[in-house]
PDB file of N, CA and C in Angstrom:
ATOM      1  N   MET A   1       5.249  19.853  15.433  1.00  0.00           N
ATOM      2  CA  MET A   1       5.414  18.443  15.182  1.00  0.00           C
ATOM      3  C   MET A   1       6.558  18.251  14.201  1.00  0.00           C
ATOM      4  N   LYS A   2       7.439  17.351  14.511  1.00  0.00           N
ATOM      5  CA  LYS A   2       8.589  17.094  13.659  1.00  0.00           C
ATOM      6  C   LYS A   2       8.199  16.101  12.567  1.00  0.00           C
ATOM      7  N   SER A   3       8.549  16.411  11.358  1.00  0.00           N
ATOM      8  CA  SER A   3       8.239  15.541  10.227  1.00  0.00           C
ATOM      9  C   SER A   3       9.505  14.852   9.760  1.00  0.00           C
ATOM     10  N   SER A   4       9.401  13.563   9.523  1.00  0.00           N
ATOM     11  CA  SER A   4      10.537  12.852   8.946  1.00  0.00           C
ATOM     12  C   SER A   4      10.122  12.316   7.583  1.00  0.00           C
ATOM     13  N   ARG A   5      10.964  12.522   6.629  1.00  0.00           N
ATOM     14  CA  ARG A   5      10.655  12.105   5.271  1.00  0.00           C
ATOM     15  C   ARG A   5      11.747  11.146   4.831  1.00  0.00           C
ATOM     16  N   HIS A   6      11.316   9.966   4.427  1.00  0.00           N
ATOM     17  CA  HIS A   6      12.245   8.955   3.957  1.00  0.00           C
ATOM     18  C   HIS A   6      11.976   8.704   2.479  1.00  0.00           C
ATOM     19  N   GLU A   7      13.027   8.438   1.754  1.00  0.00           N
ATOM     20  CA  GLU A   7      12.870   8.068   0.360  1.00  0.00           C
ATOM     21  C   GLU A   7      13.391   6.656   0.191  1.00  0.00           C
ATOM     22  N   TYR A   8      12.623   5.849  -0.513  1.00  0.00           N
ATOM     23  CA  TYR A   8      12.973   4.458  -0.744  1.00  0.00           C
ATOM     24  C   TYR A   8      13.100   4.212  -2.237  1.00  0.00           C
ATOM     25  N   ASP A   9      14.016   3.345  -2.612  1.00  0.00           N
ATOM     26  CA  ASP A   9      14.145   2.944  -4.010  1.00  0.00           C
ATOM     27  C   ASP A   9      13.107   1.872  -4.276  1.00  0.00           C
ATOM     28  N   LEU A  10      12.048   2.231  -4.976  1.00  0.00           N
ATOM     29  CA  LEU A  10      10.965   1.301  -5.271  1.00  0.00           C
ATOM     30  C   LEU A  10      10.991   0.837  -6.728  1.00  0.00           C
ATOM     31  N   SER A  11      12.112   1.083  -7.406  1.00  0.00           N
ATOM     32  CA  SER A  11      12.197   0.729  -8.827  1.00  0.00           C
ATOM     33  C   SER A  11      12.031  -0.766  -9.073  1.00  0.00           C
ATOM     34  N   GLY A  12      12.410  -1.601  -8.123  1.00  0.00           N
ATOM     35  CA  GLY A  12      12.269  -3.038  -8.298  1.00  0.00           C
ATOM     36  C   GLY A  12      11.089  -3.628  -7.549  1.00  0.00           C
ATOM     37  N   ALA A  13      10.212  -2.766  -7.039  1.00  0.00           N
ATOM     38  CA  ALA A  13       9.074  -3.245  -6.249  1.00  0.00           C
ATOM     39  C   ALA A  13       8.101  -4.020  -7.125  1.00  0.00           C
ATOM     40  N   SER A  14       7.558  -5.076  -6.567  1.00  0.00           N
ATOM     41  CA  SER A  14       6.549  -5.886  -7.243  1.00  0.00           C
ATOM     42  C   SER A  14       5.185  -5.490  -6.686  1.00  0.00           C
ATOM     43  N   TRP A  15       4.462  -4.696  -7.459  1.00  0.00           N
ATOM     44  CA  TRP A  15       3.185  -4.142  -7.013  1.00  0.00           C
ATOM     45  C   TRP A  15       2.059  -5.143  -7.216  1.00  0.00           C
ATOM     46  N   HIS A  16       1.124  -5.167  -6.270  1.00  0.00           N
ATOM     47  CA  HIS A  16      -0.021  -6.063  -6.325  1.00  0.00           C
ATOM     48  C   HIS A  16      -1.294  -5.255  -6.106  1.00  0.00           C
ATOM     49  N   LYS A  17      -2.239  -5.381  -7.042  1.00  0.00           N
ATOM     50  CA  LYS A  17      -3.491  -4.642  -6.942  1.00  0.00           C
ATOM     51  C   LYS A  17      -4.407  -5.309  -5.914  1.00  0.00           C
ATOM     52  N   SER A  18      -5.103  -4.498  -5.179  1.00  0.00           N
ATOM     53  CA  SER A  18      -6.055  -4.998  -4.200  1.00  0.00           C
ATOM     54  C   SER A  18      -7.118  -5.853  -4.872  1.00  0.00           C
ATOM     55  N   SER A  19      -7.524  -6.916  -4.211  1.00  0.00           N
ATOM     56  CA  SER A  19      -8.599  -7.763  -4.745  1.00  0.00           C
ATOM     57  C   SER A  19      -9.938  -7.033  -4.700  1.00  0.00           C
ATOM     58  N   HIS A  20      -9.996  -5.910  -4.006  1.00  0.00           N
ATOM     59  CA  HIS A  20     -11.226  -5.125  -3.930  1.00  0.00           C
ATOM     60  C   HIS A  20     -11.278  -4.011  -4.975  1.00  0.00           C
ATOM     61  N   SER A  21     -10.259  -3.907  -5.806  1.00  0.00           N
ATOM     62  CA  SER A  21     -10.275  -2.909  -6.870  1.00  0.00           C
ATOM     63  C   SER A  21     -11.332  -3.322  -7.882  1.00  0.00           C
ATOM     64  N   ASP A  22     -12.114  -2.360  -8.340  1.00  0.00           N
ATOM     65  CA  ASP A  22     -13.164  -2.744  -9.281  1.00  0.00           C
ATOM     66  C   ASP A  22     -12.653  -2.780 -10.715  1.00  0.00           C
ATOM     67  N   ALA A  23     -13.347  -3.498 -11.570  1.00  0.00           N
ATOM     68  CA  ALA A  23     -12.927  -3.738 -12.950  1.00  0.00           C
ATOM     69  C   ALA A  23     -13.038  -2.502 -13.834  1.00  0.00           C
ATOM     70  N   SER A  24     -13.782  -1.499 -13.418  1.00  0.00           N
ATOM     71  CA  SER A  24     -13.970  -0.314 -14.256  1.00  0.00           C
ATOM     72  C   SER A  24     -12.856   0.711 -14.084  1.00  0.00           C
ATOM     73  N   GLY A  25     -11.862   0.400 -13.268  1.00  0.00           N
ATOM     74  CA  GLY A  25     -10.730   1.307 -13.114  1.00  0.00           C
ATOM     75  C   GLY A  25     -10.804   2.211 -11.907  1.00  0.00           C
ATOM     76  N   GLY A  26     -11.863   2.126 -11.135  1.00  0.00           N
ATOM     77  CA  GLY A  26     -11.971   2.940  -9.929  1.00  0.00           C
ATOM     78  C   GLY A  26     -11.511   2.169  -8.706  1.00  0.00           C
ATOM     79  N   ASN A  27     -11.301   2.874  -7.621  1.00  0.00           N
ATOM     80  CA  ASN A  27     -10.932   2.251  -6.341  1.00  0.00           C
ATOM     81  C   ASN A  27      -9.744   1.305  -6.466  1.00  0.00           C
ATOM     82  N   CYS A  28      -8.699   1.732  -7.155  1.00  0.00           N
ATOM     83  CA  CYS A  28      -7.545   0.861  -7.389  1.00  0.00           C
ATOM     84  C   CYS A  28      -6.394   1.197  -6.449  1.00  0.00           C
ATOM     85  N   LEU A  29      -6.091   0.262  -5.589  1.00  0.00           N
ATOM     86  CA  LEU A  29      -5.002   0.413  -4.640  1.00  0.00           C
ATOM     87  C   LEU A  29      -3.992  -0.683  -4.915  1.00  0.00           C
ATOM     88  N   GLU A  30      -2.724  -0.326  -4.894  1.00  0.00           N
ATOM     89  CA  GLU A  30      -1.655  -1.300  -5.054  1.00  0.00           C
ATOM     90  C   GLU A  30      -0.706  -1.191  -3.880  1.00  0.00           C
ATOM     91  N   ALA A  31      -0.211  -2.325  -3.445  1.00  0.00           N
ATOM     92  CA  ALA A  31       0.800  -2.379  -2.392  1.00  0.00           C
ATOM     93  C   ALA A  31       1.934  -3.253  -2.896  1.00  0.00           C
ATOM     94  N   ALA A  32       3.103  -3.065  -2.333  1.00  0.00           N
ATOM     95  CA  ALA A  32       4.263  -3.857  -2.754  1.00  0.00           C
ATOM     96  C   ALA A  32       4.939  -4.470  -1.539  1.00  0.00           C
ATOM     97  N   ARG A  33       5.598  -5.571  -1.781  1.00  0.00           N
ATOM     98  CA  ARG A  33       6.436  -6.180  -0.744  1.00  0.00           C
ATOM     99  C   ARG A  33       7.861  -5.703  -0.958  1.00  0.00           C
ATOM    100  N   THR A  34       8.518  -5.355   0.115  1.00  0.00           N
ATOM    101  CA  THR A  34       9.908  -4.916   0.017  1.00  0.00           C
ATOM    102  C   THR A  34      10.718  -5.585   1.127  1.00  0.00           C
ATOM    103  N   PRO A  35      12.015  -5.701   0.949  1.00  0.00           N
ATOM    104  CA  PRO A  35      12.856  -6.281   1.998  1.00  0.00           C
ATOM    105  C   PRO A  35      13.213  -5.282   3.103  1.00  0.00           C
ATOM    106  N   THR A  36      12.707  -4.064   3.013  1.00  0.00           N
ATOM    107  CA  THR A  36      13.100  -3.005   3.938  1.00  0.00           C
ATOM    108  C   THR A  36      12.234  -2.912   5.189  1.00  0.00           C
ATOM    109  N   GLY A  37      11.175  -3.720   5.274  1.00  0.00           N
ATOM    110  CA  GLY A  37      10.288  -3.632   6.431  1.00  0.00           C
ATOM    111  C   GLY A  37       9.235  -2.560   6.297  1.00  0.00           C
ATOM    112  N   ILE A  38       9.089  -2.002   5.111  1.00  0.00           N
ATOM    113  CA  ILE A  38       8.041  -1.024   4.857  1.00  0.00           C
ATOM    114  C   ILE A  38       7.123  -1.568   3.761  1.00  0.00           C
ATOM    115  N   VAL A  39       5.891  -1.093   3.766  1.00  0.00           N
ATOM    116  CA  VAL A  39       4.930  -1.459   2.726  1.00  0.00           C
ATOM    117  C   VAL A  39       4.545  -0.176   1.997  1.00  0.00           C
ATOM    118  N   PRO A  40       4.965  -0.028   0.724  1.00  0.00           N
ATOM    119  CA  PRO A  40       4.545   1.129  -0.049  1.00  0.00           C
ATOM    120  C   PRO A  40       3.155   0.878  -0.645  1.00  0.00           C
ATOM    121  N   VAL A  41       2.335   1.927  -0.680  1.00  0.00           N
ATOM    122  CA  VAL A  41       0.975   1.844  -1.189  1.00  0.00           C
ATOM    123  C   VAL A  41       0.772   3.010  -2.144  1.00  0.00           C
ATOM    124  N   ARG A  42       0.119   2.733  -3.282  1.00  0.00           N
ATOM    125  CA  ARG A  42      -0.114   3.794  -4.273  1.00  0.00           C
ATOM    126  C   ARG A  42      -1.445   3.591  -4.985  1.00  0.00           C
ATOM    127  N   ASP A  43      -1.863   4.604  -5.704  1.00  0.00           N
ATOM    128  CA  ASP A  43      -3.039   4.555  -6.566  1.00  0.00           C
ATOM    129  C   ASP A  43      -2.587   3.941  -7.889  1.00  0.00           C
ATOM    130  N   SER A  44      -3.171   2.828  -8.287  1.00  0.00           N
ATOM    131  CA  SER A  44      -2.716   2.141  -9.499  1.00  0.00           C
ATOM    132  C   SER A  44      -2.964   2.939 -10.764  1.00  0.00           C
ATOM    133  N   LYS A  45      -3.876   3.897 -10.709  1.00  0.00           N
ATOM    134  CA  LYS A  45      -4.134   4.733 -11.885  1.00  0.00           C
ATOM    135  C   LYS A  45      -3.042   5.775 -12.097  1.00  0.00           C
ATOM    136  N   ILE A  46      -2.217   6.006 -11.063  1.00  0.00           N
ATOM    137  CA  ILE A  46      -1.148   7.002 -11.136  1.00  0.00           C
ATOM    138  C   ILE A  46       0.146   6.357 -10.622  1.00  0.00           C
ATOM    139  N   PRO A  47       0.711   5.388 -11.362  1.00  0.00           N
ATOM    140  CA  PRO A  47       1.885   4.660 -10.856  1.00  0.00           C
ATOM    141  C   PRO A  47       3.103   5.530 -10.563  1.00  0.00           C
ATOM    142  N   ALA A  48       3.228   6.651 -11.244  1.00  0.00           N
ATOM    143  CA  ALA A  48       4.366   7.539 -10.989  1.00  0.00           C
ATOM    144  C   ALA A  48       4.027   8.605  -9.949  1.00  0.00           C
ATOM    145  N   GLY A  49       2.835   8.517  -9.377  1.00  0.00           N
ATOM    146  CA  GLY A  49       2.382   9.506  -8.404  1.00  0.00           C
ATOM    147  C   GLY A  49       2.916   9.226  -7.016  1.00  0.00           C
ATOM    148  N   PRO A  50       2.321   9.869  -6.034  1.00  0.00           N
ATOM    149  CA  PRO A  50       2.808   9.733  -4.659  1.00  0.00           C
ATOM    150  C   PRO A  50       2.605   8.319  -4.113  1.00  0.00           C
ATOM    151  N   VAL A  51       3.466   7.966  -3.184  1.00  0.00           N
ATOM    152  CA  VAL A  51       3.425   6.660  -2.522  1.00  0.00           C
ATOM    153  C   VAL A  51       3.405   6.894  -1.021  1.00  0.00           C
ATOM    154  N   LEU A  52       2.490   6.232  -0.344  1.00  0.00           N
ATOM    155  CA  LEU A  52       2.481   6.241   1.119  1.00  0.00           C
ATOM    156  C   LEU A  52       3.231   5.009   1.589  1.00  0.00           C
ATOM    157  N   THR A  53       3.990   5.126   2.667  1.00  0.00           N
ATOM    158  CA  THR A  53       4.703   3.971   3.203  1.00  0.00           C
ATOM    159  C   THR A  53       4.298   3.749   4.650  1.00  0.00           C
ATOM    160  N   PHE A  54       4.200   2.478   4.997  1.00  0.00           N
ATOM    161  CA  PHE A  54       3.810   2.074   6.340  1.00  0.00           C
ATOM    162  C   PHE A  54       4.769   1.013   6.846  1.00  0.00           C
ATOM    163  N   PRO A  55       5.048   0.988   8.139  1.00  0.00           N
ATOM    164  CA  PRO A  55       5.791  -0.146   8.680  1.00  0.00           C
ATOM    165  C   PRO A  55       4.986  -1.423   8.409  1.00  0.00           C
ATOM    166  N   ALA A  56       5.669  -2.506   8.083  1.00  0.00           N
ATOM    167  CA  ALA A  56       4.986  -3.752   7.715  1.00  0.00           C
ATOM    168  C   ALA A  56       4.017  -4.203   8.809  1.00  0.00           C
ATOM    169  N   ARG A  57       4.400  -4.075  10.058  1.00  0.00           N
ATOM    170  CA  ARG A  57       3.520  -4.496  11.161  1.00  0.00           C
ATOM    171  C   ARG A  57       2.257  -3.640  11.213  1.00  0.00           C
ATOM    172  N   THR A  58       2.392  -2.355  11.004  1.00  0.00           N
ATOM    173  CA  THR A  58       1.232  -1.457  10.989  1.00  0.00           C
ATOM    174  C   THR A  58       0.291  -1.831   9.856  1.00  0.00           C
ATOM    175  N   TRP A  59       0.847  -2.102   8.679  1.00  0.00           N
ATOM    176  CA  TRP A  59       0.035  -2.491   7.522  1.00  0.00           C
ATOM    177  C   TRP A  59      -0.699  -3.805   7.811  1.00  0.00           C
ATOM    178  N   ALA A  60      -0.020  -4.766   8.428  1.00  0.00           N
ATOM    179  CA  ALA A  60      -0.634  -6.055   8.739  1.00  0.00           C
ATOM    180  C   ALA A  60      -1.809  -5.877   9.707  1.00  0.00           C
ATOM    181  N   VAL A  61      -1.656  -5.014  10.696  1.00  0.00           N
ATOM    182  CA  VAL A  61      -2.749  -4.750  11.637  1.00  0.00           C
ATOM    183  C   VAL A  61      -3.920  -4.105  10.901  1.00  0.00           C
ATOM    184  N   PHE A  62      -3.642  -3.141  10.032  1.00  0.00           N
ATOM    185  CA  PHE A  62      -4.687  -2.479   9.251  1.00  0.00           C
ATOM    186  C   PHE A  62      -5.456  -3.493   8.403  1.00  0.00           C
ATOM    187  N   ILE A  63      -4.743  -4.342   7.682  1.00  0.00           N
ATOM    188  CA  ILE A  63      -5.386  -5.345   6.831  1.00  0.00           C
ATOM    189  C   ILE A  63      -6.214  -6.309   7.684  1.00  0.00           C
ATOM    190  N   GLY A  64      -5.692  -6.688   8.836  1.00  0.00           N
ATOM    191  CA  GLY A  64      -6.447  -7.551   9.744  1.00  0.00           C
ATOM    192  C   GLY A  64      -7.759  -6.916  10.187  1.00  0.00           C
ATOM    193  N   GLN A  65      -7.726  -5.624  10.473  1.00  0.00           N
ATOM    194  CA  GLN A  65      -8.935  -4.904  10.875  1.00  0.00           C
ATOM    195  C   GLN A  65      -9.939  -4.823   9.726  1.00  0.00           C
ATOM    196  N   VAL A  66      -9.451  -4.567   8.529  1.00  0.00           N
ATOM    197  CA  VAL A  66     -10.331  -4.501   7.360  1.00  0.00           C
ATOM    198  C   VAL A  66     -11.023  -5.851   7.158  1.00  0.00           C
ATOM    199  N   LYS A  67     -10.256  -6.930   7.227  1.00  0.00           N
ATOM    200  CA  LYS A  67     -10.831  -8.267   7.056  1.00  0.00           C
ATOM    201  C   LYS A  67     -11.852  -8.575   8.153  1.00  0.00           C
ATOM    202  N   ALA A  68     -11.548  -8.167   9.377  1.00  0.00           N
ATOM    203  CA  ALA A  68     -12.459  -8.406  10.489  1.00  0.00           C
ATOM    204  C   ALA A  68     -13.779  -7.653  10.292  1.00  0.00           C
ATOM    205  N   GLU A  69     -13.710  -6.443   9.778  1.00  0.00           N
ATOM    206  CA  GLU A  69     -14.904  -5.644   9.519  1.00  0.00           C
ATOM    207  C   GLU A  69     -15.778  -6.277   8.433  1.00  0.00           C
ATOM    208  N   GLN A  70     -15.129  -6.916   7.457  1.00  0.00           N
ATOM    209  CA  GLN A  70     -15.886  -7.538   6.361  1.00  0.00           C
ATOM    210  C   GLN A  70     -16.663  -8.753   6.833  1.00  0.00           C
ATOM    211  N   THR A  71     -16.159  -9.436   7.830  1.00  0.00           N
ATOM    212  CA  THR A  71     -16.836 -10.644   8.311  1.00  0.00           C
ATOM    213  C   THR A  71     -17.815 -10.343   9.437  1.00  0.00           C
ATOM    214  N   ALA A  72     -17.795  -9.135   9.940  1.00  0.00           N
ATOM    215  CA  ALA A  72     -18.674  -8.778  11.066  1.00  0.00           C
ATOM    216  C   ALA A  72     -20.090  -8.505  10.586  1.00  0.00           C
TER     217      ALA A  72
END
């Protein structure tokens, strides 16, 4: 399987914590909006740690599925 690795400049990214993150510091996920068409996602407890990136459309479908599961 061929792996492609992209690096993005996220220094100016505006990170937003998930509304489902708990107040005690656990389960903290942050995502950012970027003009590049990708959505970076990270663990808010480790801001300098690894970042996963998803195409914006893929992320939107994922979030839609999560919301649908919550209302089911």
